[in-house]
N, C-alpha and C. Protein backbone atom coordinates (compact mmCIF):
# COMPACT_ATOMS: atom_id res chain seq x y z
N MET A 1 14.36 -14.11 -14.13
CA MET A 1 13.21 -14.07 -13.25
C MET A 1 13.43 -13.08 -12.11
N ASN A 2 14.66 -12.89 -11.64
CA ASN A 2 14.90 -11.92 -10.58
C ASN A 2 14.46 -10.53 -10.98
N GLY A 3 14.64 -10.16 -12.25
CA GLY A 3 14.21 -8.85 -12.71
C GLY A 3 12.72 -8.65 -12.51
N CYS A 4 11.92 -9.68 -12.80
CA CYS A 4 10.47 -9.59 -12.60
C CYS A 4 10.15 -9.45 -11.12
N HIS A 5 10.78 -10.30 -10.29
CA HIS A 5 10.52 -10.24 -8.86
C HIS A 5 10.93 -8.88 -8.29
N ASP A 6 12.09 -8.39 -8.68
CA ASP A 6 12.55 -7.09 -8.20
C ASP A 6 11.61 -5.98 -8.67
N GLY A 7 11.08 -6.13 -9.87
CA GLY A 7 10.22 -5.10 -10.44
C GLY A 7 8.91 -4.94 -9.71
N ILE A 8 8.42 -5.99 -9.02
CA ILE A 8 7.15 -5.86 -8.29
C ILE A 8 7.36 -5.68 -6.80
N GLY A 9 8.57 -5.85 -6.31
CA GLY A 9 8.84 -5.68 -4.89
C GLY A 9 8.82 -4.22 -4.49
N ASP A 10 8.93 -3.98 -3.21
CA ASP A 10 8.87 -2.60 -2.72
C ASP A 10 10.12 -1.79 -3.04
N ALA A 11 11.25 -2.44 -3.28
CA ALA A 11 12.48 -1.72 -3.57
C ALA A 11 13.18 -2.36 -4.76
N PRO A 12 12.73 -2.03 -5.98
CA PRO A 12 13.32 -2.69 -7.16
C PRO A 12 14.80 -2.42 -7.28
N ARG A 13 15.56 -3.49 -7.50
CA ARG A 13 17.00 -3.36 -7.68
C ARG A 13 17.35 -3.44 -9.15
N HIS A 14 16.75 -4.38 -9.86
CA HIS A 14 17.07 -4.60 -11.27
C HIS A 14 15.80 -4.86 -12.07
N PRO A 15 14.91 -3.89 -12.16
CA PRO A 15 13.67 -4.15 -12.91
C PRO A 15 13.98 -4.37 -14.40
N PRO A 16 13.14 -5.14 -15.07
CA PRO A 16 13.39 -5.38 -16.50
C PRO A 16 13.34 -4.08 -17.29
N ALA A 17 14.09 -4.02 -18.37
CA ALA A 17 14.16 -2.82 -19.20
C ALA A 17 12.99 -2.75 -20.19
N HIS A 18 12.30 -3.85 -20.41
CA HIS A 18 11.17 -3.89 -21.34
C HIS A 18 10.12 -4.88 -20.82
N PRO A 19 8.89 -4.80 -21.30
CA PRO A 19 7.85 -5.71 -20.81
C PRO A 19 8.21 -7.18 -21.06
N LEU A 20 8.06 -7.97 -20.03
CA LEU A 20 8.34 -9.39 -20.13
C LEU A 20 7.08 -10.21 -19.93
N THR A 21 5.96 -9.56 -19.78
CA THR A 21 4.75 -10.25 -19.38
C THR A 21 3.61 -10.07 -20.37
N LYS A 22 2.63 -10.92 -20.21
CA LYS A 22 1.39 -10.83 -20.97
C LYS A 22 0.27 -10.61 -19.94
N ARG A 23 -0.45 -9.52 -20.05
CA ARG A 23 -1.49 -9.13 -19.09
C ARG A 23 -2.85 -9.34 -19.73
N GLU A 24 -3.70 -10.16 -19.07
CA GLU A 24 -5.03 -10.44 -19.59
C GLU A 24 -6.08 -10.23 -18.52
N SER A 25 -7.20 -9.66 -18.92
CA SER A 25 -8.33 -9.49 -18.01
C SER A 25 -8.88 -10.86 -17.62
N ASN A 26 -9.30 -11.00 -16.36
CA ASN A 26 -9.85 -12.27 -15.89
C ASN A 26 -11.09 -11.98 -15.05
N PRO A 27 -12.22 -11.68 -15.71
CA PRO A 27 -13.44 -11.35 -14.97
C PRO A 27 -13.97 -12.52 -14.13
N ARG A 28 -13.62 -13.75 -14.49
CA ARG A 28 -14.08 -14.91 -13.71
C ARG A 28 -13.53 -14.86 -12.28
N LEU A 29 -12.25 -14.47 -12.14
CA LEU A 29 -11.67 -14.37 -10.80
C LEU A 29 -12.40 -13.32 -9.96
N LEU A 30 -12.73 -12.19 -10.57
CA LEU A 30 -13.45 -11.14 -9.85
C LEU A 30 -14.83 -11.64 -9.42
N LYS A 31 -15.53 -12.30 -10.32
CA LYS A 31 -16.86 -12.84 -10.01
C LYS A 31 -16.78 -13.86 -8.87
N ASP A 32 -15.81 -14.75 -8.94
CA ASP A 32 -15.65 -15.77 -7.90
C ASP A 32 -15.29 -15.15 -6.55
N PHE A 33 -14.40 -14.14 -6.56
CA PHE A 33 -14.03 -13.47 -5.32
C PHE A 33 -15.24 -12.79 -4.69
N ARG A 34 -16.03 -12.08 -5.50
CA ARG A 34 -17.22 -11.41 -4.97
C ARG A 34 -18.24 -12.40 -4.43
N ALA A 35 -18.39 -13.55 -5.11
CA ALA A 35 -19.32 -14.58 -4.64
C ALA A 35 -18.88 -15.12 -3.28
N TRP A 36 -17.58 -15.28 -3.07
CA TRP A 36 -17.06 -15.74 -1.79
C TRP A 36 -17.22 -14.66 -0.72
N ALA A 37 -16.99 -13.41 -1.09
CA ALA A 37 -16.97 -12.31 -0.12
C ALA A 37 -18.33 -12.06 0.53
N ARG A 38 -19.41 -12.23 -0.22
CA ARG A 38 -20.74 -11.95 0.33
C ARG A 38 -21.02 -12.73 1.62
N PRO A 39 -20.97 -14.06 1.59
CA PRO A 39 -21.27 -14.79 2.83
C PRO A 39 -20.20 -14.66 3.91
N GLU A 40 -19.00 -14.26 3.53
CA GLU A 40 -17.91 -14.11 4.50
C GLU A 40 -17.93 -12.75 5.19
N GLY A 41 -18.84 -11.86 4.78
CA GLY A 41 -18.91 -10.54 5.38
C GLY A 41 -17.96 -9.53 4.77
N ASP A 42 -17.36 -9.86 3.64
CA ASP A 42 -16.41 -8.97 2.98
C ASP A 42 -16.98 -8.36 1.71
N ALA A 43 -18.30 -8.33 1.57
CA ALA A 43 -18.92 -7.80 0.35
C ALA A 43 -18.55 -6.34 0.12
N ALA A 44 -18.52 -5.54 1.19
CA ALA A 44 -18.17 -4.12 1.04
C ALA A 44 -16.74 -3.98 0.52
N THR A 45 -15.84 -4.82 1.01
CA THR A 45 -14.45 -4.80 0.55
C THR A 45 -14.38 -5.18 -0.92
N ALA A 46 -15.09 -6.23 -1.30
CA ALA A 46 -15.04 -6.74 -2.69
C ALA A 46 -15.58 -5.72 -3.68
N ARG A 47 -16.49 -4.86 -3.26
CA ARG A 47 -17.05 -3.85 -4.17
C ARG A 47 -16.01 -2.84 -4.64
N HIS A 48 -14.90 -2.74 -3.96
CA HIS A 48 -13.85 -1.80 -4.35
C HIS A 48 -13.02 -2.29 -5.53
N ALA A 49 -13.15 -3.57 -5.86
CA ALA A 49 -12.40 -4.13 -7.00
C ALA A 49 -13.14 -3.82 -8.29
N GLY A 50 -12.39 -3.32 -9.28
CA GLY A 50 -12.98 -3.01 -10.56
C GLY A 50 -12.65 -4.02 -11.63
N ARG A 51 -11.39 -4.44 -11.69
CA ARG A 51 -10.94 -5.40 -12.70
C ARG A 51 -9.88 -6.31 -12.09
N VAL A 52 -9.81 -7.52 -12.61
CA VAL A 52 -8.77 -8.47 -12.20
C VAL A 52 -8.03 -8.92 -13.46
N PHE A 53 -6.71 -8.95 -13.34
CA PHE A 53 -5.86 -9.36 -14.46
C PHE A 53 -4.95 -10.49 -14.00
N THR A 54 -4.62 -11.37 -14.92
CA THR A 54 -3.53 -12.30 -14.69
C THR A 54 -2.38 -11.82 -15.56
N VAL A 55 -1.19 -11.86 -15.00
CA VAL A 55 0.00 -11.36 -15.68
C VAL A 55 1.00 -12.51 -15.75
N GLU A 56 1.21 -13.02 -16.95
CA GLU A 56 2.12 -14.14 -17.15
C GLU A 56 3.55 -13.67 -16.93
N LEU A 57 4.26 -14.36 -16.04
CA LEU A 57 5.66 -14.05 -15.78
C LEU A 57 6.56 -14.96 -16.59
N THR A 58 6.29 -16.25 -16.52
CA THR A 58 6.98 -17.26 -17.32
C THR A 58 5.91 -18.22 -17.80
N GLY A 59 6.29 -19.28 -18.43
CA GLY A 59 5.31 -20.24 -18.93
C GLY A 59 4.40 -20.80 -17.85
N HIS A 60 4.89 -20.89 -16.60
CA HIS A 60 4.09 -21.50 -15.54
C HIS A 60 3.89 -20.62 -14.32
N ASP A 61 4.34 -19.40 -14.34
CA ASP A 61 4.19 -18.49 -13.21
C ASP A 61 3.42 -17.26 -13.65
N TYR A 62 2.59 -16.76 -12.74
CA TYR A 62 1.84 -15.54 -13.06
C TYR A 62 1.55 -14.77 -11.78
N ASP A 63 1.26 -13.50 -11.94
CA ASP A 63 0.79 -12.64 -10.86
C ASP A 63 -0.68 -12.35 -11.09
N VAL A 64 -1.35 -11.96 -10.03
CA VAL A 64 -2.74 -11.51 -10.12
C VAL A 64 -2.75 -10.03 -9.75
N GLU A 65 -3.30 -9.20 -10.62
CA GLU A 65 -3.43 -7.76 -10.36
C GLU A 65 -4.91 -7.43 -10.20
N VAL A 66 -5.21 -6.62 -9.19
CA VAL A 66 -6.58 -6.17 -8.97
C VAL A 66 -6.59 -4.65 -8.99
N SER A 67 -7.35 -4.09 -9.90
CA SER A 67 -7.52 -2.64 -9.99
C SER A 67 -8.67 -2.26 -9.05
N THR A 68 -8.41 -1.28 -8.19
CA THR A 68 -9.41 -0.87 -7.19
C THR A 68 -9.65 0.63 -7.27
N ASP A 69 -10.61 1.08 -6.47
CA ASP A 69 -10.84 2.52 -6.36
C ASP A 69 -10.16 3.09 -5.11
N TYR A 70 -9.29 2.31 -4.47
CA TYR A 70 -8.56 2.77 -3.30
C TYR A 70 -7.46 3.75 -3.70
N ASN A 71 -7.13 4.65 -2.78
CA ASN A 71 -5.96 5.50 -2.96
C ASN A 71 -5.08 5.46 -1.72
N SER A 72 -5.42 4.59 -0.78
CA SER A 72 -4.68 4.44 0.47
C SER A 72 -3.99 3.08 0.50
N ARG A 73 -2.72 3.07 0.88
CA ARG A 73 -1.99 1.81 0.99
C ARG A 73 -2.59 0.93 2.10
N ALA A 74 -3.07 1.53 3.17
CA ALA A 74 -3.65 0.76 4.27
C ALA A 74 -4.92 0.04 3.82
N GLU A 75 -5.78 0.74 3.08
CA GLU A 75 -7.00 0.11 2.57
C GLU A 75 -6.65 -0.99 1.57
N ALA A 76 -5.66 -0.74 0.73
CA ALA A 76 -5.24 -1.75 -0.25
C ALA A 76 -4.69 -2.99 0.46
N ALA A 77 -3.97 -2.80 1.56
CA ALA A 77 -3.43 -3.93 2.31
C ALA A 77 -4.56 -4.75 2.93
N GLU A 78 -5.60 -4.09 3.43
CA GLU A 78 -6.76 -4.81 3.98
C GLU A 78 -7.46 -5.60 2.88
N PHE A 79 -7.61 -4.99 1.70
CA PHE A 79 -8.22 -5.68 0.58
C PHE A 79 -7.38 -6.91 0.21
N ALA A 80 -6.07 -6.73 0.14
CA ALA A 80 -5.17 -7.83 -0.22
C ALA A 80 -5.31 -8.99 0.77
N ALA A 81 -5.44 -8.68 2.05
CA ALA A 81 -5.59 -9.74 3.05
C ALA A 81 -6.86 -10.56 2.80
N ALA A 82 -7.96 -9.88 2.46
CA ALA A 82 -9.21 -10.59 2.17
C ALA A 82 -9.06 -11.44 0.91
N PHE A 83 -8.42 -10.90 -0.12
CA PHE A 83 -8.25 -11.63 -1.37
C PHE A 83 -7.38 -12.87 -1.15
N VAL A 84 -6.32 -12.73 -0.39
CA VAL A 84 -5.42 -13.86 -0.12
C VAL A 84 -6.15 -14.91 0.71
N GLU A 85 -7.00 -14.49 1.63
CA GLU A 85 -7.79 -15.45 2.41
C GLU A 85 -8.68 -16.28 1.48
N TRP A 86 -9.25 -15.62 0.47
CA TRP A 86 -10.09 -16.32 -0.49
C TRP A 86 -9.29 -17.23 -1.42
N TRP A 87 -8.09 -16.82 -1.80
CA TRP A 87 -7.30 -17.55 -2.79
C TRP A 87 -7.09 -18.98 -2.29
N ASP A 88 -7.47 -19.94 -3.08
CA ASP A 88 -7.42 -21.33 -2.63
C ASP A 88 -6.16 -22.07 -3.02
N ALA A 89 -5.27 -21.42 -3.72
CA ALA A 89 -3.99 -22.00 -4.14
C ALA A 89 -4.16 -23.13 -5.13
N ASP A 90 -5.34 -23.31 -5.68
CA ASP A 90 -5.56 -24.31 -6.72
C ASP A 90 -5.29 -23.64 -8.06
N ASP A 91 -4.02 -23.52 -8.38
CA ASP A 91 -3.59 -22.76 -9.55
C ASP A 91 -3.60 -23.57 -10.84
N GLY A 92 -3.93 -24.85 -10.75
CA GLY A 92 -3.83 -25.69 -11.93
C GLY A 92 -2.37 -25.93 -12.27
N PRO A 93 -2.05 -26.02 -13.56
CA PRO A 93 -0.66 -26.31 -13.93
C PRO A 93 0.29 -25.13 -13.71
N ALA A 94 -0.24 -23.93 -13.54
CA ALA A 94 0.60 -22.75 -13.32
C ALA A 94 0.59 -22.39 -11.84
N VAL A 95 1.48 -21.48 -11.45
CA VAL A 95 1.60 -21.08 -10.05
C VAL A 95 1.45 -19.57 -9.95
N ALA A 96 0.48 -19.13 -9.14
CA ALA A 96 0.31 -17.71 -8.88
C ALA A 96 1.35 -17.30 -7.83
N ARG A 97 2.10 -16.26 -8.11
CA ARG A 97 3.18 -15.84 -7.23
C ARG A 97 2.80 -14.67 -6.33
N ASN A 98 2.22 -13.61 -6.90
CA ASN A 98 1.98 -12.38 -6.16
C ASN A 98 0.60 -11.82 -6.47
N LEU A 99 0.08 -11.10 -5.50
CA LEU A 99 -1.13 -10.31 -5.68
C LEU A 99 -0.69 -8.86 -5.66
N VAL A 100 -1.07 -8.11 -6.69
CA VAL A 100 -0.70 -6.70 -6.80
C VAL A 100 -2.00 -5.90 -6.80
N ILE A 101 -2.15 -5.00 -5.82
CA ILE A 101 -3.34 -4.15 -5.73
C ILE A 101 -2.99 -2.80 -6.35
N LEU A 102 -3.82 -2.38 -7.30
CA LEU A 102 -3.60 -1.14 -8.04
C LEU A 102 -4.67 -0.11 -7.71
N ASP A 103 -4.34 1.17 -7.88
CA ASP A 103 -5.35 2.21 -7.74
C ASP A 103 -6.07 2.37 -9.09
N ALA A 104 -6.96 3.33 -9.18
CA ALA A 104 -7.76 3.52 -10.40
C ALA A 104 -6.91 3.87 -11.63
N ARG A 105 -5.69 4.38 -11.40
CA ARG A 105 -4.81 4.73 -12.52
C ARG A 105 -3.73 3.67 -12.75
N ASP A 106 -3.95 2.50 -12.17
CA ASP A 106 -3.04 1.35 -12.29
C ASP A 106 -1.67 1.58 -11.67
N HIS A 107 -1.61 2.39 -10.61
CA HIS A 107 -0.38 2.54 -9.82
C HIS A 107 -0.45 1.55 -8.66
N ARG A 108 0.65 0.89 -8.40
CA ARG A 108 0.70 -0.13 -7.35
C ARG A 108 0.54 0.49 -5.95
N LEU A 109 -0.39 -0.09 -5.19
CA LEU A 109 -0.60 0.33 -3.80
C LEU A 109 -0.07 -0.70 -2.82
N ALA A 110 -0.20 -1.99 -3.18
CA ALA A 110 0.22 -3.05 -2.27
C ALA A 110 0.58 -4.30 -3.07
N THR A 111 1.49 -5.08 -2.51
CA THR A 111 1.88 -6.36 -3.10
C THR A 111 1.92 -7.39 -2.00
N LYS A 112 1.35 -8.56 -2.26
CA LYS A 112 1.34 -9.64 -1.27
C LYS A 112 1.58 -10.96 -1.98
N ARG A 113 2.38 -11.83 -1.35
CA ARG A 113 2.64 -13.15 -1.92
C ARG A 113 1.38 -14.00 -1.83
N LEU A 114 1.14 -14.78 -2.87
CA LEU A 114 -0.01 -15.72 -2.86
C LEU A 114 0.43 -17.10 -2.47
């Protein structure tokens, strides 16, 4: 598990040598986030999200990745703060560990613990 954690952190020490995860699109999370953002005044921020993925780390742990049209780490960090504010921590039987904000080419811009 340390390899996975190191691989998403800002300074990877021992990233895995091969894919250890299963990445699936989760449009329901995007829809729910946008529905929350409108009345909260974050609708403009939510419009920058294009796709949301859940990435299985282990049987009960996963990360959430959001693909955006941002190219700035500062903008991605602001987006991450709004997403984390919305996240209700009701993960069901699994536990969401990290939020990863990606640019349009799926390069990591920001990572935040959930």
